[in-house]
Amino acid sequence: MEKQYCRVGSVTPITAKADTVTMLEYQYQNFLDKASNIEYTNTKLGDFFEQKAKKLQKALESLV
């Protein structure tokens, strides 16, 4: 039996700054959308998404 290497969980670093900004902007908008959709049904989950969006916004501001 031969060894097999699994790539699950492996991370590929993003080297281009433009790609990083684009990815963070997408994630930021995604978290804002999720927070606004869930805001009235489950407040803890909505708060979690809002906090993630704020963290991403700070990261975006430092890159731009």
PDB file of N, CA and C in Angstrom:
ATOM      1  N   MET A   1       0.830  -1.160   0.000  1.00  0.00           N
ATOM      2  CA  MET A   1       0.000   0.000   0.000  1.00  0.00           C
ATOM      3  C   MET A   1       0.891   1.246   0.000  1.00  0.00           C
ATOM      4  N   GLU A   2       0.624   2.165  -0.914  1.00  0.00           N
ATOM      5  CA  GLU A   2       1.431   3.377  -1.027  1.00  0.00           C
ATOM      6  C   GLU A   2       0.834   4.510  -0.212  1.00  0.00           C
ATOM      7  N   LYS A   3       1.705   5.429   0.199  1.00  0.00           N
ATOM      8  CA  LYS A   3       1.237   6.597   0.929  1.00  0.00           C
ATOM      9  C   LYS A   3       0.547   7.551  -0.040  1.00  0.00           C
ATOM     10  N   GLN A   4      -0.527   8.151   0.425  1.00  0.00           N
ATOM     11  CA  GLN A   4      -1.228   9.146  -0.379  1.00  0.00           C
ATOM     12  C   GLN A   4      -1.214  10.462   0.393  1.00  0.00           C
ATOM     13  N   TYR A   5      -1.023  11.534  -0.340  1.00  0.00           N
ATOM     14  CA  TYR A   5      -0.977  12.846   0.290  1.00  0.00           C
ATOM     15  C   TYR A   5      -2.254  13.602  -0.038  1.00  0.00           C
ATOM     16  N   CYS A   6      -2.888  14.088   0.988  1.00  0.00           N
ATOM     17  CA  CYS A   6      -4.158  14.787   0.844  1.00  0.00           C
ATOM     18  C   CYS A   6      -3.912  16.290   0.917  1.00  0.00           C
ATOM     19  N   ARG A   7      -4.559  17.036   0.040  1.00  0.00           N
ATOM     20  CA  ARG A   7      -4.392  18.476   0.014  1.00  0.00           C
ATOM     21  C   ARG A   7      -5.528  19.202   0.736  1.00  0.00           C
ATOM     22  N   VAL A   8      -6.362  18.499   1.424  1.00  0.00           N
ATOM     23  CA  VAL A   8      -7.458  19.134   2.148  1.00  0.00           C
ATOM     24  C   VAL A   8      -6.872  19.989   3.258  1.00  0.00           C
ATOM     25  N   GLY A   9      -7.292  21.218   3.312  1.00  0.00           N
ATOM     26  CA  GLY A   9      -6.810  22.117   4.335  1.00  0.00           C
ATOM     27  C   GLY A   9      -5.532  22.835   3.969  1.00  0.00           C
ATOM     28  N   SER A  10      -4.954  22.521   2.823  1.00  0.00           N
ATOM     29  CA  SER A  10      -3.743  23.222   2.422  1.00  0.00           C
ATOM     30  C   SER A  10      -4.106  24.637   1.979  1.00  0.00           C
ATOM     31  N   VAL A  11      -3.196  25.551   2.197  1.00  0.00           N
ATOM     32  CA  VAL A  11      -3.447  26.956   1.909  1.00  0.00           C
ATOM     33  C   VAL A  11      -2.471  27.423   0.843  1.00  0.00           C
ATOM     34  N   THR A  12      -3.012  28.097  -0.150  1.00  0.00           N
ATOM     35  CA  THR A  12      -2.176  28.708  -1.180  1.00  0.00           C
ATOM     36  C   THR A  12      -2.133  30.208  -0.916  1.00  0.00           C
ATOM     37  N   PRO A  13      -0.956  30.762  -0.634  1.00  0.00           N
ATOM     38  CA  PRO A  13      -0.885  32.188  -0.332  1.00  0.00           C
ATOM     39  C   PRO A  13      -1.199  33.041  -1.569  1.00  0.00           C
ATOM     40  N   ILE A  14      -1.854  34.150  -1.332  1.00  0.00           N
ATOM     41  CA  ILE A  14      -2.144  35.084  -2.415  1.00  0.00           C
ATOM     42  C   ILE A  14      -1.007  36.090  -2.446  1.00  0.00           C
ATOM     43  N   THR A  15      -0.283  36.118  -3.535  1.00  0.00           N
ATOM     44  CA  THR A  15       0.892  36.969  -3.604  1.00  0.00           C
ATOM     45  C   THR A  15       0.596  38.342  -4.197  1.00  0.00           C
ATOM     46  N   ALA A  16      -0.376  38.437  -5.068  1.00  0.00           N
ATOM     47  CA  ALA A  16      -0.689  39.715  -5.696  1.00  0.00           C
ATOM     48  C   ALA A  16      -1.603  40.525  -4.783  1.00  0.00           C
ATOM     49  N   LYS A  17      -1.246  41.783  -4.552  1.00  0.00           N
ATOM     50  CA  LYS A  17      -2.026  42.645  -3.677  1.00  0.00           C
ATOM     51  C   LYS A  17      -3.429  42.877  -4.218  1.00  0.00           C
ATOM     52  N   ALA A  18      -3.559  42.989  -5.532  1.00  0.00           N
ATOM     53  CA  ALA A  18      -4.868  43.214  -6.142  1.00  0.00           C
ATOM     54  C   ALA A  18      -5.801  42.035  -5.883  1.00  0.00           C
ATOM     55  N   ASP A  19      -5.256  40.831  -5.947  1.00  0.00           N
ATOM     56  CA  ASP A  19      -6.068  39.639  -5.669  1.00  0.00           C
ATOM     57  C   ASP A  19      -6.523  39.615  -4.215  1.00  0.00           C
ATOM     58  N   THR A  20      -5.661  40.046  -3.319  1.00  0.00           N
ATOM     59  CA  THR A  20      -6.002  40.072  -1.901  1.00  0.00           C
ATOM     60  C   THR A  20      -7.129  41.048  -1.642  1.00  0.00           C
ATOM     61  N   VAL A  21      -7.039  42.237  -2.215  1.00  0.00           N
ATOM     62  CA  VAL A  21      -8.069  43.252  -2.012  1.00  0.00           C
ATOM     63  C   VAL A  21      -9.397  42.768  -2.580  1.00  0.00           C
ATOM     64  N   THR A  22      -9.371  42.172  -3.753  1.00  0.00           N
ATOM     65  CA  THR A  22     -10.593  41.672  -4.372  1.00  0.00           C
ATOM     66  C   THR A  22     -11.233  40.594  -3.517  1.00  0.00           C
ATOM     67  N   MET A  23     -10.434  39.682  -3.004  1.00  0.00           N
ATOM     68  CA  MET A  23     -10.955  38.603  -2.175  1.00  0.00           C
ATOM     69  C   MET A  23     -11.543  39.147  -0.870  1.00  0.00           C
ATOM     70  N   LEU A  24     -10.837  40.086  -0.231  1.00  0.00           N
ATOM     71  CA  LEU A  24     -11.334  40.656   1.013  1.00  0.00           C
ATOM     72  C   LEU A  24     -12.609  41.456   0.800  1.00  0.00           C
ATOM     73  N   GLU A  25     -12.695  42.173  -0.321  1.00  0.00           N
ATOM     74  CA  GLU A  25     -13.918  42.919  -0.626  1.00  0.00           C
ATOM     75  C   GLU A  25     -15.095  41.972  -0.811  1.00  0.00           C
ATOM     76  N   TYR A  26     -14.853  40.865  -1.482  1.00  0.00           N
ATOM     77  CA  TYR A  26     -15.913  39.874  -1.682  1.00  0.00           C
ATOM     78  C   TYR A  26     -16.373  39.302  -0.339  1.00  0.00           C
ATOM     79  N   GLN A  27     -15.419  38.930   0.506  1.00  0.00           N
ATOM     80  CA  GLN A  27     -15.768  38.361   1.806  1.00  0.00           C
ATOM     81  C   GLN A  27     -16.488  39.389   2.683  1.00  0.00           C
ATOM     82  N   TYR A  28     -16.040  40.640   2.623  1.00  0.00           N
ATOM     83  CA  TYR A  28     -16.671  41.703   3.394  1.00  0.00           C
ATOM     84  C   TYR A  28     -18.138  41.856   2.994  1.00  0.00           C
ATOM     85  N   GLN A  29     -18.393  41.938   1.703  1.00  0.00           N
ATOM     86  CA  GLN A  29     -19.768  42.077   1.226  1.00  0.00           C
ATOM     87  C   GLN A  29     -20.600  40.849   1.572  1.00  0.00           C
ATOM     88  N   ASN A  30     -19.999  39.690   1.482  1.00  0.00           N
ATOM     89  CA  ASN A  30     -20.692  38.441   1.809  1.00  0.00           C
ATOM     90  C   ASN A  30     -21.124  38.419   3.271  1.00  0.00           C
ATOM     91  N   PHE A  31     -20.227  38.825   4.186  1.00  0.00           N
ATOM     92  CA  PHE A  31     -20.575  38.851   5.603  1.00  0.00           C
ATOM     93  C   PHE A  31     -21.638  39.901   5.898  1.00  0.00           C
ATOM     94  N   LEU A  32     -21.574  41.060   5.220  1.00  0.00           N
ATOM     95  CA  LEU A  32     -22.606  42.072   5.424  1.00  0.00           C
ATOM     96  C   LEU A  32     -23.970  41.565   4.961  1.00  0.00           C
ATOM     97  N   ASP A  33     -23.993  40.892   3.834  1.00  0.00           N
ATOM     98  CA  ASP A  33     -25.248  40.334   3.328  1.00  0.00           C
ATOM     99  C   ASP A  33     -25.813  39.292   4.289  1.00  0.00           C
ATOM    100  N   LYS A  34     -24.953  38.426   4.777  1.00  0.00           N
ATOM    101  CA  LYS A  34     -25.407  37.398   5.718  1.00  0.00           C
ATOM    102  C   LYS A  34     -25.930  38.028   6.999  1.00  0.00           C
ATOM    103  N   ALA A  35     -25.232  39.052   7.497  1.00  0.00           N
ATOM    104  CA  ALA A  35     -25.665  39.711   8.733  1.00  0.00           C
ATOM    105  C   ALA A  35     -27.018  40.386   8.549  1.00  0.00           C
ATOM    106  N   SER A  36     -27.231  41.007   7.406  1.00  0.00           N
ATOM    107  CA  SER A  36     -28.510  41.699   7.189  1.00  0.00           C
ATOM    108  C   SER A  36     -29.651  40.705   6.978  1.00  0.00           C
ATOM    109  N   ASN A  37     -29.372  39.552   6.389  1.00  0.00           N
ATOM    110  CA  ASN A  37     -30.412  38.547   6.165  1.00  0.00           C
ATOM    111  C   ASN A  37     -30.797  37.824   7.446  1.00  0.00           C
ATOM    112  N   ILE A  38     -29.871  37.693   8.380  1.00  0.00           N
ATOM    113  CA  ILE A  38     -30.101  36.906   9.587  1.00  0.00           C
ATOM    114  C   ILE A  38     -30.395  37.803  10.785  1.00  0.00           C
ATOM    115  N   GLU A  39     -30.302  39.095  10.619  1.00  0.00           N
ATOM    116  CA  GLU A  39     -30.373  40.035  11.730  1.00  0.00           C
ATOM    117  C   GLU A  39     -31.591  39.814  12.640  1.00  0.00           C
ATOM    118  N   TYR A  40     -32.739  39.560  12.074  1.00  0.00           N
ATOM    119  CA  TYR A  40     -33.946  39.478  12.884  1.00  0.00           C
ATOM    120  C   TYR A  40     -34.272  38.057  13.342  1.00  0.00           C
ATOM    121  N   THR A  41     -33.691  37.053  12.739  1.00  0.00           N
ATOM    122  CA  THR A  41     -34.017  35.688  13.125  1.00  0.00           C
ATOM    123  C   THR A  41     -33.094  35.157  14.217  1.00  0.00           C
ATOM    124  N   ASN A  42     -31.813  35.496  14.146  1.00  0.00           N
ATOM    125  CA  ASN A  42     -30.858  34.993  15.130  1.00  0.00           C
ATOM    126  C   ASN A  42     -29.832  36.090  15.382  1.00  0.00           C
ATOM    127  N   THR A  43     -29.996  36.850  16.431  1.00  0.00           N
ATOM    128  CA  THR A  43     -29.161  38.028  16.647  1.00  0.00           C
ATOM    129  C   THR A  43     -27.705  37.688  16.923  1.00  0.00           C
ATOM    130  N   LYS A  44     -27.427  36.577  17.593  1.00  0.00           N
ATOM    131  CA  LYS A  44     -26.033  36.219  17.877  1.00  0.00           C
ATOM    132  C   LYS A  44     -25.273  35.911  16.589  1.00  0.00           C
ATOM    133  N   LEU A  45     -25.921  35.213  15.691  1.00  0.00           N
ATOM    134  CA  LEU A  45     -25.274  34.904  14.424  1.00  0.00           C
ATOM    135  C   LEU A  45     -25.096  36.170  13.588  1.00  0.00           C
ATOM    136  N   GLY A  46     -26.084  37.036  13.594  1.00  0.00           N
ATOM    137  CA  GLY A  46     -25.982  38.310  12.884  1.00  0.00           C
ATOM    138  C   GLY A  46     -24.850  39.161  13.440  1.00  0.00           C
ATOM    139  N   ASP A  47     -24.714  39.187  14.764  1.00  0.00           N
ATOM    140  CA  ASP A  47     -23.620  39.931  15.401  1.00  0.00           C
ATOM    141  C   ASP A  47     -22.271  39.350  15.009  1.00  0.00           C
ATOM    142  N   PHE A  48     -22.194  38.031  14.937  1.00  0.00           N
ATOM    143  CA  PHE A  48     -20.949  37.374  14.536  1.00  0.00           C
ATOM    144  C   PHE A  48     -20.543  37.812  13.128  1.00  0.00           C
ATOM    145  N   PHE A  49     -21.504  37.798  12.202  1.00  0.00           N
ATOM    146  CA  PHE A  49     -21.198  38.207  10.826  1.00  0.00           C
ATOM    147  C   PHE A  49     -20.812  39.679  10.756  1.00  0.00           C
ATOM    148  N   GLU A  50     -21.447  40.520  11.562  1.00  0.00           N
ATOM    149  CA  GLU A  50     -21.090  41.939  11.582  1.00  0.00           C
ATOM    150  C   GLU A  50     -19.666  42.140  12.096  1.00  0.00           C
ATOM    151  N   GLN A  51     -19.283  41.378  13.123  1.00  0.00           N
ATOM    152  CA  GLN A  51     -17.926  41.487  13.652  1.00  0.00           C
ATOM    153  C   GLN A  51     -16.897  41.042  12.620  1.00  0.00           C
ATOM    154  N   LYS A  52     -17.211  39.962  11.898  1.00  0.00           N
ATOM    155  CA  LYS A  52     -16.292  39.501  10.846  1.00  0.00           C
ATOM    156  C   LYS A  52     -16.154  40.561   9.766  1.00  0.00           C
ATOM    157  N   ALA A  53     -17.265  41.203   9.403  1.00  0.00           N
ATOM    158  CA  ALA A  53     -17.235  42.249   8.384  1.00  0.00           C
ATOM    159  C   ALA A  53     -16.389  43.430   8.850  1.00  0.00           C
ATOM    160  N   LYS A  54     -16.487  43.800  10.118  1.00  0.00           N
ATOM    161  CA  LYS A  54     -15.691  44.908  10.646  1.00  0.00           C
ATOM    162  C   LYS A  54     -14.200  44.580  10.604  1.00  0.00           C
ATOM    163  N   LYS A  55     -13.852  43.347  10.938  1.00  0.00           N
ATOM    164  CA  LYS A  55     -12.446  42.937  10.890  1.00  0.00           C
ATOM    165  C   LYS A  55     -11.917  42.994   9.464  1.00  0.00           C
ATOM    166  N   LEU A  56     -12.732  42.545   8.515  1.00  0.00           N
ATOM    167  CA  LEU A  56     -12.319  42.593   7.121  1.00  0.00           C
ATOM    168  C   LEU A  56     -12.208  44.025   6.634  1.00  0.00           C
ATOM    169  N   GLN A  57     -13.087  44.895   7.099  1.00  0.00           N
ATOM    170  CA  GLN A  57     -13.025  46.297   6.707  1.00  0.00           C
ATOM    171  C   GLN A  57     -11.720  46.931   7.193  1.00  0.00           C
ATOM    172  N   LYS A  58     -11.302  46.614   8.409  1.00  0.00           N
ATOM    173  CA  LYS A  58     -10.040  47.133   8.934  1.00  0.00           C
ATOM    174  C   LYS A  58      -8.865  46.613   8.105  1.00  0.00           C
ATOM    175  N   ALA A  59      -8.912  45.351   7.726  1.00  0.00           N
ATOM    176  CA  ALA A  59      -7.835  44.785   6.916  1.00  0.00           C
ATOM    177  C   ALA A  59      -7.793  45.457   5.540  1.00  0.00           C
ATOM    178  N   LEU A  60      -8.957  45.721   4.967  1.00  0.00           N
ATOM    179  CA  LEU A  60      -9.017  46.401   3.676  1.00  0.00           C
ATOM    180  C   LEU A  60      -8.458  47.814   3.762  1.00  0.00           C
ATOM    181  N   GLU A  61      -8.797  48.523   4.830  1.00  0.00           N
ATOM    182  CA  GLU A  61      -8.302  49.893   5.006  1.00  0.00           C
ATOM    183  C   GLU A  61      -6.790  49.918   5.137  1.00  0.00           C
ATOM    184  N   SER A  62      -6.219  48.917   5.764  1.00  0.00           N
ATOM    185  CA  SER A  62      -4.757  48.879   5.903  1.00  0.00           C
ATOM    186  C   SER A  62      -4.065  48.560   4.586  1.00  0.00           C
ATOM    187  N   LEU A  63      -4.756  47.840   3.691  1.00  0.00           N
ATOM    188  CA  LEU A  63      -4.162  47.504   2.396  1.00  0.00           C
ATOM    189  C   LEU A  63      -4.290  48.629   1.366  1.00  0.00           C
ATOM    190  N   VAL A  64      -5.355  49.393   1.482  1.00  0.00           N
ATOM    191  CA  VAL A  64      -5.614  50.436   0.474  1.00  0.00           C
ATOM    192  C   VAL A  64      -5.010  51.723   0.854  1.00  0.00           C
TER     193      VAL A  64
END
